[in-house]
């Protein structure tokens, strides 16, 4: 009744295709050009991303129409680079490994050795509804668990996550999947890809959306990861596809934007996921342990923002910095449209010299995201919005020094979109990194007139990155003491590398380029996780790691309080 069909890739999309598992770690120390800095921390740089089984993403044909995987789907694969230092002579050993995240649905399809779950997000509504029903009847689940988006650490344990399911605990050394994490049975719904550690307490603030009521819930996990100490239904009247939440010293920040998941719309013949440009958008500020009635909602201009750079309190205001676009790359092109016309048009930068030309479309450039600021006044209810860097740079996948999450920071880093390559391929490609300087004039009246200073580090032609992360320097005295680290793939040579870039000398050549033993497909989020290797088999004890996190966060909190009390 359903026939699986491979989704083909254009030559310019080849590095979005899957790779095989290596089967074990490979020492690649001899492949380093440059030098790993002496004060670089020991640890693992790890990135998650889609790596579909059975050769790639699939579509189906049936009497109900067509259904298809959308571009963010595909089983998660972890790509990990391990940095360990010999204490006797200070020499570095670097190892690489990759491995699929083995969710329950991954194991099921692997055992059957063929595509089994029908695509159930993109396509014709009758086909999607039929796929839901058949998947549920055959496997007890309406869709596959992806676990392909991010990796995070809490209380010394490491997790892989995508927000259509709960996280999977990972052995960070072997990359073995250890099982699901449901917070001792207390969390039974999808889980945000970007949980946030609360400043000062070490508690983990989480969020989960679902297509049925309750549409969104927030939870707080204890610092030791053993207990869900708070859980509340936000009583939303729609399922807003919220990819990330923010935290400040006292608040949780909720992005309720008009990218929604709606089963009723699907039943009535519309798409399951849709961005409504005419829909309302708002940001909620909620006390850490508040409930739905305690949320202060602020109406903002309609937009689609997946990623928050940071959020913090500044006097009477809660400030949110994010990467704002005017349309959504999810779910992607409608099947009735030409796939390679829909995306490139929206990736095409609008030319201000052609504003009145017949050649310009209202869709031009709408998928590009830019650094943006919302200032939410808790006393007056007023909102101030502005672009932080203008529209010269399209950027996303932001990162900061993690010690400043939830408090005011001076620097941020992002991946920079290559608009030409993205338009040509119809897929987002990032041709460099940006460093944002958030320091502004002391005179508040001058702030809206100035744009932030931006430094860039652009890669070689036809080289694109994914999974960039910030690595703080051991003993660093300033917020930007450290390195940016990222996977980079050269499409001309088909060689994948990891670049290590000194963030104090951001535009200089990388201090190290590490050539990998295999191609690494473009993916999503990366993280640098500090560990101490003893013959590569012992992780830093949980008590020490928790203590380090607690001390760092409380030092930042004390600095923040002192600064605001002056």
Protein backbone atom coordinates (compact mmCIF):
# COMPACT_ATOMS: atom_id res chain seq x y z
CA UNK A 1 0.00 0.00 0.00
CA UNK A 2 2.94 2.36 0.76
CA UNK A 3 6.02 2.39 -1.46
CA UNK A 4 9.25 3.88 -0.11
CA UNK A 5 11.20 6.13 -2.49
CA UNK A 6 14.67 7.60 -1.92
CA UNK A 7 14.91 11.39 -1.76
CA UNK A 8 17.72 12.34 -4.11
CA UNK A 9 20.31 15.01 -3.32
CA UNK A 10 21.73 17.56 -5.71
CA UNK A 11 25.53 17.55 -6.13
CA UNK A 12 25.62 20.77 -4.06
CA UNK A 13 23.79 18.90 -1.27
CA UNK A 14 26.07 15.86 -1.15
CA UNK A 15 27.47 16.57 2.32
CA UNK A 16 23.99 16.37 3.77
CA UNK A 17 24.06 12.65 2.95
CA UNK A 18 24.76 9.98 5.60
CA UNK A 19 28.03 8.17 6.40
CA UNK A 20 28.83 4.79 7.93
CA UNK A 21 29.91 4.24 11.51
CA UNK A 22 33.66 3.83 11.97
CA UNK A 23 33.22 1.01 14.45
CA UNK A 24 35.68 2.49 16.94
CA UNK A 25 37.90 5.45 17.69
CA UNK A 26 40.81 6.47 15.47
CA UNK A 27 43.92 8.31 16.65
CA UNK A 28 44.41 11.36 14.40
CA UNK A 29 47.18 13.25 16.20
CA UNK A 30 49.41 13.10 13.12
CA UNK A 31 46.73 14.90 11.10
CA UNK A 32 47.02 18.18 13.02
CA UNK A 33 48.21 21.27 11.17
CA UNK A 34 49.23 23.93 13.66
CA UNK A 35 49.25 23.29 17.41
CA UNK A 36 46.76 22.51 20.13
CA UNK A 37 47.35 25.29 22.71
CA UNK A 38 49.00 24.24 25.98
CA UNK A 39 46.13 25.71 28.02
CA UNK A 40 43.41 24.09 25.94
CA UNK A 41 41.27 21.94 28.28
CA UNK A 42 41.10 18.18 28.07
CA UNK A 43 37.68 17.06 26.95
CA UNK A 44 35.46 16.00 24.10
CA UNK A 45 34.11 18.14 21.29
CA UNK A 46 30.92 16.45 20.18
CA UNK A 47 28.32 17.28 17.56
CA UNK A 48 24.92 15.79 16.81
CA UNK A 49 23.19 15.67 13.43
CA UNK A 50 20.93 13.65 11.13
CA UNK A 51 22.40 10.50 9.60
CA UNK A 52 19.47 8.59 8.06
CA UNK A 53 19.51 4.82 7.91
CA UNK A 54 19.25 2.97 4.59
CA UNK A 55 20.99 5.56 2.43
CA UNK A 56 19.04 8.72 3.14
CA UNK A 57 15.67 10.32 3.77
CA UNK A 58 12.60 8.69 2.25
CA UNK A 59 9.30 9.58 0.66
CA UNK A 60 6.30 7.32 0.20
CA UNK A 61 3.70 6.88 -2.53
CA UNK A 62 0.28 5.40 -1.76
CA UNK A 63 -3.41 5.65 -2.59
CA UNK A 64 -3.56 8.35 0.11
CA UNK A 65 -1.01 10.54 -1.66
CA UNK A 66 2.60 11.24 -0.75
CA UNK A 67 4.35 11.68 2.55
CA UNK A 68 7.99 12.56 3.07
CA UNK A 69 10.67 13.05 5.64
CA UNK A 70 11.50 16.74 6.05
CA UNK A 71 15.11 17.89 5.98
CA UNK A 72 15.62 17.96 9.77
CA UNK A 73 14.77 14.26 10.11
CA UNK A 74 17.16 11.32 10.08
CA UNK A 75 18.58 9.23 12.92
CA UNK A 76 21.06 11.06 15.13
CA UNK A 77 24.78 10.40 14.79
CA UNK A 78 27.36 11.69 17.25
CA UNK A 79 30.74 12.84 15.94
CA UNK A 80 33.27 13.18 18.75
CA UNK A 81 36.83 14.49 18.99
CA UNK A 82 38.71 13.62 22.19
CA UNK A 83 41.56 15.80 23.45
CA UNK A 84 43.83 14.23 26.07
CA UNK A 85 47.17 15.52 27.34
CA UNK A 86 50.19 13.57 28.54
CA UNK A 87 51.12 15.03 31.94
CA UNK A 88 54.73 13.92 31.57
CA UNK A 89 55.63 15.87 28.43
CA UNK A 90 52.56 18.00 27.67
CA UNK A 91 51.93 16.32 24.30
CA UNK A 92 48.40 16.01 22.96
CA UNK A 93 46.61 12.92 21.71
CA UNK A 94 43.50 13.48 19.58
CA UNK A 95 41.02 10.72 18.78
CA UNK A 96 37.90 10.69 16.61
CA UNK A 97 34.84 8.47 16.69
CA UNK A 98 31.29 8.47 15.37
CA UNK A 99 28.25 6.43 16.33
CA UNK A 100 24.49 6.44 15.87
CA UNK A 101 22.26 7.25 18.82
CA UNK A 102 20.48 3.95 19.31
CA UNK A 103 16.92 4.93 20.22
CA UNK A 104 14.19 2.31 20.51
CA UNK A 105 13.00 3.03 16.97
CA UNK A 106 16.57 2.94 15.61
CA UNK A 107 17.03 -0.56 17.06
CA UNK A 108 13.69 -1.68 15.65
CA UNK A 109 14.48 -0.61 12.08
CA UNK A 110 18.06 -1.84 12.36
CA UNK A 111 16.79 -5.26 13.38
CA UNK A 112 14.29 -5.33 10.49
CA UNK A 113 17.08 -4.10 8.17
CA UNK A 114 14.72 -2.00 6.07
CA UNK A 115 12.75 1.26 6.27
CA UNK A 116 9.72 0.59 8.45
CA UNK A 117 8.28 3.77 9.92
CA UNK A 118 6.29 5.74 7.37
CA UNK A 119 7.21 9.44 7.07
CA UNK A 120 4.64 11.36 9.11
CA UNK A 121 5.45 15.09 8.99
CA UNK A 122 5.61 16.38 5.41
CA UNK A 123 3.27 15.72 2.51
CA UNK A 124 -0.42 15.23 1.80
CA UNK A 125 -2.60 15.24 4.90
CA UNK A 126 -4.39 11.90 4.15
CA UNK A 127 -1.00 10.22 3.69
CA UNK A 128 0.35 11.69 6.94
CA UNK A 129 -2.74 10.67 8.92
CA UNK A 130 -2.54 7.16 7.46
CA UNK A 131 1.16 7.01 8.36
CA UNK A 132 0.34 8.01 11.95
CA UNK A 133 -2.24 5.28 12.24
CA UNK A 134 -0.19 2.52 10.62
CA UNK A 135 2.96 3.39 12.61
CA UNK A 136 0.93 3.31 15.82
CA UNK A 137 -0.75 -0.01 14.99
CA UNK A 138 2.49 -1.69 13.87
CA UNK A 139 5.03 -0.29 16.33
CA UNK A 140 3.12 1.46 19.11
CA UNK A 141 4.60 4.85 18.13
CA UNK A 142 3.38 7.43 15.62
CA UNK A 143 6.88 8.34 14.40
CA UNK A 144 10.57 7.65 14.86
CA UNK A 145 12.59 9.08 17.74
CA UNK A 146 15.28 11.19 16.09
CA UNK A 147 17.70 12.25 18.90
CA UNK A 148 19.68 14.18 16.28
CA UNK A 149 19.79 17.81 17.44
CA UNK A 150 21.94 18.52 20.49
CA UNK A 151 24.12 17.10 23.26
CA UNK A 152 24.08 18.42 26.81
CA UNK A 153 25.48 17.62 30.25
CA UNK A 154 23.72 17.67 33.60
CA UNK A 155 25.20 16.54 36.91
CA UNK A 156 28.06 14.75 35.20
CA UNK A 157 25.87 12.75 32.82
CA UNK A 158 25.63 13.30 29.08
CA UNK A 159 22.55 13.25 26.88
CA UNK A 160 21.52 13.31 23.21
CA UNK A 161 18.25 15.02 22.36
CA UNK A 162 15.73 16.06 19.72
CA UNK A 163 12.46 17.57 20.86
CA UNK A 164 10.16 14.85 19.55
CA UNK A 165 11.11 12.57 22.49
CA UNK A 166 12.90 12.45 25.84
CA UNK A 167 16.74 12.47 25.96
CA UNK A 168 18.99 9.44 25.66
CA UNK A 169 21.86 9.09 28.11
CA UNK A 170 25.20 8.58 26.34
CA UNK A 171 28.49 7.06 27.51
CA UNK A 172 30.63 9.99 26.48
CA UNK A 173 33.73 7.83 26.00
CA UNK A 174 32.30 4.98 23.91
CA UNK A 175 29.28 6.90 22.53
CA UNK A 176 27.12 3.93 23.55
CA UNK A 177 23.45 4.75 24.13
CA UNK A 178 22.62 3.83 27.74
CA UNK A 179 18.85 4.39 27.67
CA UNK A 180 16.16 7.02 27.98
CA UNK A 181 16.23 9.72 30.67
CA UNK A 182 12.76 10.46 32.04
CA UNK A 183 13.92 12.11 35.31
CA UNK A 184 13.09 9.10 37.49
CA UNK A 185 9.79 8.56 35.67
CA UNK A 186 8.50 12.10 36.29
CA UNK A 187 8.79 13.45 32.71
CA UNK A 188 6.74 11.64 30.07
CA UNK A 189 6.56 14.07 27.15
CA UNK A 190 8.90 15.56 24.52
CA UNK A 191 11.88 17.54 25.82
CA UNK A 192 13.41 20.74 24.47
CA UNK A 193 16.68 20.46 22.56
CA UNK A 194 18.06 23.38 24.61
CA UNK A 195 17.49 22.93 28.35
CA UNK A 196 19.11 25.67 30.43
CA UNK A 197 21.00 25.54 33.70
CA UNK A 198 19.58 28.08 36.16
CA UNK A 199 22.20 30.67 37.22
CA UNK A 200 23.45 30.08 40.75
CA UNK A 201 21.53 26.89 41.60
CA UNK A 202 22.66 24.34 39.00
CA UNK A 203 19.03 23.28 38.44
CA UNK A 204 18.06 22.40 34.88
CA UNK A 205 15.08 24.22 33.35
CA UNK A 206 13.34 22.14 30.69
CA UNK A 207 10.37 22.56 28.36
CA UNK A 208 8.24 20.16 26.38
CA UNK A 209 5.74 20.72 23.59
CA UNK A 210 3.12 18.31 22.26
CA UNK A 211 0.51 18.27 19.51
CA UNK A 212 -2.24 17.55 22.06
CA UNK A 213 -3.08 19.37 25.26
CA UNK A 214 -1.25 20.36 27.35
CA UNK A 215 0.57 21.99 24.45
CA UNK A 216 3.53 23.22 26.51
CA UNK A 217 4.88 22.41 29.96
CA UNK A 218 7.93 23.69 31.84
CA UNK A 219 9.87 21.71 34.41
CA UNK A 220 12.79 22.22 36.75
CA UNK A 221 15.16 19.31 37.42
CA UNK A 222 17.21 19.23 40.62
CA UNK A 223 20.93 20.00 40.42
CA UNK A 224 21.76 16.32 41.00
CA UNK A 225 19.47 15.27 38.14
CA UNK A 226 17.49 12.85 40.29
CA UNK A 227 14.24 14.73 40.83
CA UNK A 228 11.75 16.85 38.92
CA UNK A 229 11.11 19.55 41.51
CA UNK A 230 8.64 21.62 39.49
CA UNK A 231 6.33 20.97 36.56
CA UNK A 232 3.56 23.22 35.24
CA UNK A 233 1.17 23.41 32.29
CA UNK A 234 1.43 26.83 30.62
CA UNK A 235 -2.19 26.61 29.37
CA UNK A 236 -1.36 27.68 25.81
CA UNK A 237 -4.15 27.55 23.22
CA UNK A 238 -1.83 26.32 20.45
CA UNK A 239 1.25 24.13 20.06
CA UNK A 240 3.98 26.66 19.29
CA UNK A 241 7.06 24.89 17.99
CA UNK A 242 9.36 26.38 20.63
CA UNK A 243 12.90 25.10 20.05
CA UNK A 244 14.61 26.92 22.93
CA UNK A 245 13.75 28.65 26.19
CA UNK A 246 15.71 31.29 28.09
CA UNK A 247 16.60 31.75 31.74
CA UNK A 248 17.65 34.71 33.86
CA UNK A 249 18.50 34.99 37.54
CA UNK A 250 14.82 34.79 38.53
CA UNK A 251 12.82 34.00 35.41
CA UNK A 252 12.11 31.54 32.62
CA UNK A 253 11.66 33.06 29.15
CA UNK A 254 9.11 31.46 26.78
CA UNK A 255 8.97 32.13 23.04
CA UNK A 256 5.40 31.73 21.75
CA UNK A 257 5.70 32.43 18.02
CA UNK A 258 3.37 31.53 15.11
CA UNK A 259 5.20 28.41 13.94
CA UNK A 260 2.71 25.80 15.08
CA UNK A 261 2.02 22.09 15.04
CA UNK A 262 -1.72 21.49 14.60
CA UNK A 263 -3.42 18.11 14.20
CA UNK A 264 -6.84 19.71 13.59
CA UNK A 265 -5.35 21.65 10.70
CA UNK A 266 -3.91 18.40 9.34
CA UNK A 267 -7.27 16.60 9.61
CA UNK A 268 -8.87 19.45 7.67
CA UNK A 269 -6.39 19.06 4.82
CA UNK A 270 -3.70 21.55 5.86
CA UNK A 271 -0.06 21.01 6.84
CA UNK A 272 0.91 19.57 10.21
CA UNK A 273 3.55 22.29 10.72
CA UNK A 274 3.00 25.81 9.43
CA UNK A 275 4.39 29.29 9.95
CA UNK A 276 1.59 31.87 9.90
CA UNK A 277 3.01 35.27 9.00
CA UNK A 278 -0.21 36.91 10.18
CA UNK A 279 -0.26 35.08 13.51
CA UNK A 280 0.46 36.65 16.86
CA UNK A 281 3.86 36.47 18.53
CA UNK A 282 4.67 36.99 22.19
CA UNK A 283 7.38 36.40 24.76
CA UNK A 284 6.50 35.22 28.25
CA UNK A 285 8.48 35.97 31.40
CA UNK A 286 7.68 33.55 34.23
CA UNK A 287 9.12 33.28 37.75
CA UNK A 288 11.33 30.19 38.00
CA UNK A 289 8.76 28.22 40.03
CA UNK A 290 5.68 30.07 38.81
CA UNK A 291 2.56 28.80 37.07
CA UNK A 292 0.55 29.86 34.01
CA UNK A 293 -1.14 32.71 35.86
CA UNK A 294 2.22 34.21 36.86
CA UNK A 295 3.49 34.65 33.26
CA UNK A 296 3.90 38.23 32.07
CA UNK A 297 3.22 38.13 28.32
CA UNK A 298 4.69 40.73 25.95
CA UNK A 299 3.31 41.11 22.43
CA UNK A 300 6.11 41.38 19.84
CA UNK A 301 6.32 41.68 16.07
CA UNK A 302 5.57 38.38 14.26
CA UNK A 303 8.75 36.41 13.59
CA UNK A 304 10.34 32.99 13.68
CA UNK A 305 13.20 32.68 16.17
CA UNK A 306 14.60 29.24 16.87
CA UNK A 307 17.68 30.20 18.88
CA UNK A 308 18.32 32.50 21.83
CA UNK A 309 21.79 33.99 22.19
CA UNK A 310 21.22 34.88 25.84
CA UNK A 311 18.64 36.41 28.19
CA UNK A 312 19.21 38.38 31.38
CA UNK A 313 17.82 41.00 33.74
CA UNK A 314 18.85 44.64 33.31
CA UNK A 315 17.17 46.86 35.89
CA UNK A 316 13.41 46.71 35.30
CA UNK A 317 13.88 44.97 31.97
CA UNK A 318 14.32 41.40 30.88
CA UNK A 319 16.54 41.42 27.78
CA UNK A 320 16.35 38.66 25.18
CA UNK A 321 18.89 38.35 22.36
CA UNK A 322 18.10 35.90 19.58
CA UNK A 323 18.46 35.11 15.87
CA UNK A 324 15.26 36.39 14.25
CA UNK A 325 13.88 35.49 10.81
CA UNK A 326 10.62 36.44 9.08
CA UNK A 327 9.78 32.93 7.84
CA UNK A 328 10.57 29.35 8.89
CA UNK A 329 12.89 26.79 7.33
CA UNK A 330 10.70 24.15 9.02
CA UNK A 331 8.96 22.19 7.63
CA UNK A 332 10.43 23.26 4.29
CA UNK A 333 8.85 23.19 0.83
CA UNK A 334 5.30 22.05 0.25
CA UNK A 335 5.33 18.95 -1.97
CA UNK A 336 3.16 20.74 -4.51
CA UNK A 337 5.93 23.30 -5.03
CA UNK A 338 9.31 22.89 -6.65
CA UNK A 339 11.65 22.04 -3.76
CA UNK A 340 14.60 23.80 -5.35
CA UNK A 341 12.65 26.96 -6.13
CA UNK A 342 10.94 27.48 -2.80
CA UNK A 343 14.04 27.50 -0.60
CA UNK A 344 16.45 29.38 -2.89
CA UNK A 345 13.95 32.21 -3.36
CA UNK A 346 13.69 32.71 0.39
CA UNK A 347 17.47 32.51 0.72
CA UNK A 348 17.90 35.24 -1.91
CA UNK A 349 18.89 38.52 -0.21
CA UNK A 350 16.51 41.34 -1.06
CA UNK A 351 18.26 44.07 -3.04
CA UNK A 352 17.36 47.49 -1.58
CA UNK A 353 18.04 49.03 -5.01
CA UNK A 354 15.21 46.95 -6.51
CA UNK A 355 12.47 47.63 -3.99
CA UNK A 356 10.05 48.71 -6.72
CA UNK A 357 11.20 46.20 -9.30
CA UNK A 358 9.02 43.41 -10.67
CA UNK A 359 12.02 41.10 -10.10
CA UNK A 360 11.79 41.29 -6.34
CA UNK A 361 9.56 38.98 -4.32
CA UNK A 362 8.10 39.49 -0.86
CA UNK A 363 9.67 36.13 0.00
CA UNK A 364 13.24 37.19 -0.79
CA UNK A 365 15.59 36.74 2.14
CA UNK A 366 12.89 35.84 4.65
CA UNK A 367 14.68 32.69 5.81
CA UNK A 368 17.78 34.65 6.81
CA UNK A 369 18.04 35.24 10.54
CA UNK A 370 19.73 38.24 12.14
CA UNK A 371 20.87 39.12 15.66
CA UNK A 372 17.93 40.83 17.37
CA UNK A 373 17.04 42.31 20.75
CA UNK A 374 13.80 42.45 22.73
CA UNK A 375 13.74 44.61 25.87
CA UNK A 376 10.74 43.70 28.03
CA UNK A 377 9.90 46.17 30.80
CA UNK A 378 8.42 44.27 33.73
CA UNK A 379 6.95 47.45 35.27
CA UNK A 380 5.42 49.22 32.29
CA UNK A 381 4.77 46.25 29.99
CA UNK A 382 6.45 48.08 27.11
CA UNK A 383 8.62 46.34 24.53
CA UNK A 384 11.59 47.77 22.64
CA UNK A 385 12.80 45.80 19.60
CA UNK A 386 15.75 46.31 17.27
CA UNK A 387 18.27 44.58 15.03
CA UNK A 388 21.61 44.40 16.79
CA UNK A 389 23.83 44.03 13.72
CA UNK A 390 21.64 45.30 10.92
CA UNK A 391 21.00 42.90 8.07
CA UNK A 392 24.49 42.69 6.62
CA UNK A 393 25.14 39.36 8.33
CA UNK A 394 22.75 36.45 8.36
CA UNK A 395 23.60 34.30 11.35
CA UNK A 396 22.31 31.51 13.55
CA UNK A 397 23.43 28.67 15.86
CA UNK A 398 24.63 31.12 18.54
CA UNK A 399 26.95 30.28 21.43
CA UNK A 400 28.36 32.10 24.44
CA UNK A 401 30.69 31.40 27.34
CA UNK A 402 28.41 29.06 29.29
CA UNK A 403 29.33 30.64 32.62
CA UNK A 404 27.33 33.72 31.52
CA UNK A 405 24.10 31.93 30.59
CA UNK A 406 21.25 33.89 32.15
CA UNK A 407 23.35 36.92 33.16
CA UNK A 408 24.58 39.89 31.16
CA UNK A 409 27.43 39.00 28.81
CA UNK A 410 29.77 41.03 26.63
CA UNK A 411 30.37 38.58 23.78
CA UNK A 412 28.49 36.11 21.63
CA UNK A 413 29.43 33.92 18.67
CA UNK A 414 27.37 32.65 15.73
CA UNK A 415 27.68 30.76 12.47
CA UNK A 416 27.45 33.04 9.41
CA UNK A 417 25.26 32.04 6.46
CA UNK A 418 26.79 31.92 2.98
CA UNK A 419 23.82 33.34 1.07
CA UNK A 420 25.08 32.38 -2.39
CA UNK A 421 25.85 28.77 -1.47
CA UNK A 422 22.57 28.46 0.42
CA UNK A 423 20.57 29.86 -2.48
CA UNK A 424 22.34 27.59 -4.98
CA UNK A 425 21.81 24.41 -3.00
CA UNK A 426 18.48 25.23 -1.39
CA UNK A 427 19.95 24.25 1.99
CA UNK A 428 21.48 26.46 4.67
CA UNK A 429 25.27 26.55 4.55
CA UNK A 430 27.48 28.44 6.97
CA UNK A 431 30.65 29.90 5.47
CA UNK A 432 32.17 31.42 8.62
CA UNK A 433 31.81 32.48 12.23
CA UNK A 434 31.01 35.85 13.81
CA UNK A 435 32.00 37.38 17.14
CA UNK A 436 29.48 39.91 18.49
CA UNK A 437 30.56 42.67 20.89
CA UNK A 438 27.58 43.56 23.08
CA UNK A 439 29.18 46.52 24.88
CA UNK A 440 27.18 49.67 24.06
CA UNK A 441 27.21 53.41 24.76
CA UNK A 442 26.46 54.29 28.39
CA UNK A 443 23.92 56.84 27.11
CA UNK A 444 20.76 54.78 26.60
CA UNK A 445 19.41 57.27 24.03
CA UNK A 446 22.29 56.44 21.69
CA UNK A 447 21.83 52.65 21.72
CA UNK A 448 19.23 52.39 18.96
CA UNK A 449 21.42 54.48 16.67
CA UNK A 450 24.43 52.21 16.87
CA UNK A 451 25.01 48.68 15.68
CA UNK A 452 27.17 46.20 17.48
CA UNK A 453 30.75 45.59 16.45
CA UNK A 454 31.05 42.31 14.55
CA UNK A 455 34.27 40.42 13.84
CA UNK A 456 34.19 37.60 11.31
CA UNK A 457 36.25 34.52 10.60
CA UNK A 458 35.39 33.37 7.08
CA UNK A 459 36.46 30.01 5.69
CA UNK A 460 38.03 29.05 2.38
CA UNK A 461 35.78 29.02 -0.68
CA UNK A 462 33.30 26.11 -0.66
CA UNK A 463 34.08 25.31 2.97
CA UNK A 464 31.18 25.27 5.43
CA UNK A 465 30.81 24.59 9.12
CA UNK A 466 28.38 23.06 11.60
CA UNK A 467 28.19 22.49 15.34
CA UNK A 468 30.41 25.39 16.43
CA UNK A 469 31.03 25.68 20.18
CA UNK A 470 32.92 27.96 22.57
CA UNK A 471 35.73 26.47 24.67
CA UNK A 472 36.67 28.62 27.70
CA UNK A 473 40.37 28.87 28.51
CA UNK A 474 41.52 27.24 31.73
CA UNK A 475 42.24 30.07 34.13
CA UNK A 476 41.02 32.67 31.62
CA UNK A 477 40.50 36.13 33.11
CA UNK A 478 38.07 37.54 30.56
CA UNK A 479 34.78 36.29 29.15
CA UNK A 480 36.17 35.77 25.64
CA UNK A 481 39.37 34.01 26.74
CA UNK A 482 39.13 30.77 24.83
CA UNK A 483 38.53 29.22 21.44
CA UNK A 484 35.79 28.61 18.92
CA UNK A 485 35.82 25.03 17.67
CA UNK A 486 33.85 23.75 14.70
CA UNK A 487 33.54 21.00 12.11
CA UNK A 488 34.37 22.31 8.61
CA UNK A 489 33.89 20.48 5.31
CA UNK A 490 35.53 21.46 2.03
CA UNK A 491 33.23 20.51 -0.84
CA UNK A 492 35.98 20.70 -3.47
CA UNK A 493 38.31 18.25 -1.73
CA UNK A 494 35.57 16.32 0.14
CA UNK A 495 37.74 16.59 3.27
CA UNK A 496 36.33 17.26 6.74
CA UNK A 497 38.35 18.99 9.45
CA UNK A 498 37.96 20.53 12.88
CA UNK A 499 39.16 24.14 13.26
CA UNK A 500 40.33 25.61 16.55
CA UNK A 501 40.17 29.44 16.48
CA UNK A 502 41.56 31.80 19.13
CA UNK A 503 38.61 34.05 20.04
CA UNK A 504 40.99 36.84 21.14
CA UNK A 505 42.45 36.87 17.62
CA UNK A 506 39.24 35.97 15.91
CA UNK A 507 40.07 36.88 12.32
CA UNK A 508 43.48 35.18 12.37
CA UNK A 509 44.16 31.77 10.90
CA UNK A 510 43.00 28.86 13.11
CA UNK A 511 45.62 27.83 15.65
CA UNK A 512 44.94 24.23 14.64
CA UNK A 513 43.26 22.37 11.77
CA UNK A 514 42.63 18.69 12.45
CA UNK A 515 41.91 16.50 9.43
CA UNK A 516 39.39 13.75 10.11
CA UNK A 517 39.57 10.18 8.80
CA UNK A 518 36.17 10.36 7.10
CA UNK A 519 33.61 12.80 5.81
CA UNK A 520 31.44 14.45 8.48
CA UNK A 521 28.01 15.49 7.14
CA UNK A 522 26.59 18.89 8.02
CA UNK A 523 24.65 18.70 11.25
CA UNK A 524 23.17 20.71 14.06
CA UNK A 525 24.50 21.61 17.51
CA UNK A 526 27.89 20.91 19.05
CA UNK A 527 29.33 21.24 22.55
CA UNK A 528 32.68 21.04 24.23
CA UNK A 529 32.41 18.93 27.38
CA UNK A 530 35.34 18.96 29.81
CA UNK A 531 36.50 15.54 30.92
CA UNK A 532 39.73 14.17 32.37
CA UNK A 533 41.06 11.06 30.66
CA UNK A 534 43.08 8.46 32.51
CA UNK A 535 44.06 6.00 29.78
CA UNK A 536 40.91 7.27 28.07
CA UNK A 537 38.52 5.42 30.39
CA UNK A 538 37.75 7.58 33.42
CA UNK A 539 35.45 10.60 33.44
CA UNK A 540 35.92 13.37 35.97
CA UNK A 541 33.96 12.38 39.08
CA UNK A 542 30.45 13.74 39.29
CA UNK A 543 31.05 15.50 42.60
CA UNK A 544 34.00 17.49 41.25
CA UNK A 545 32.16 18.42 38.04
CA UNK A 546 29.08 19.56 39.97
CA UNK A 547 31.28 21.58 42.32
CA UNK A 548 33.07 23.27 39.41
CA UNK A 549 29.76 24.22 37.79
CA UNK A 550 28.38 25.50 41.09
CA UNK A 551 31.45 27.64 41.83
CA UNK A 552 31.60 29.14 38.32
CA UNK A 553 27.90 30.00 38.30
CA UNK A 554 27.98 31.57 41.77
CA UNK A 555 31.06 33.66 40.95
CA UNK A 556 29.17 35.01 37.92
CA UNK A 557 26.09 35.65 40.06
CA UNK A 558 28.09 37.58 42.68
CA UNK A 559 29.73 39.67 39.93
CA UNK A 560 26.30 40.38 38.43
CA UNK A 561 24.83 41.48 41.79
CA UNK A 562 27.84 43.66 42.60
CA UNK A 563 27.69 45.33 39.16
CA UNK A 564 23.99 46.13 39.48
CA UNK A 565 24.30 47.39 43.04
CA UNK A 566 26.90 50.03 42.13
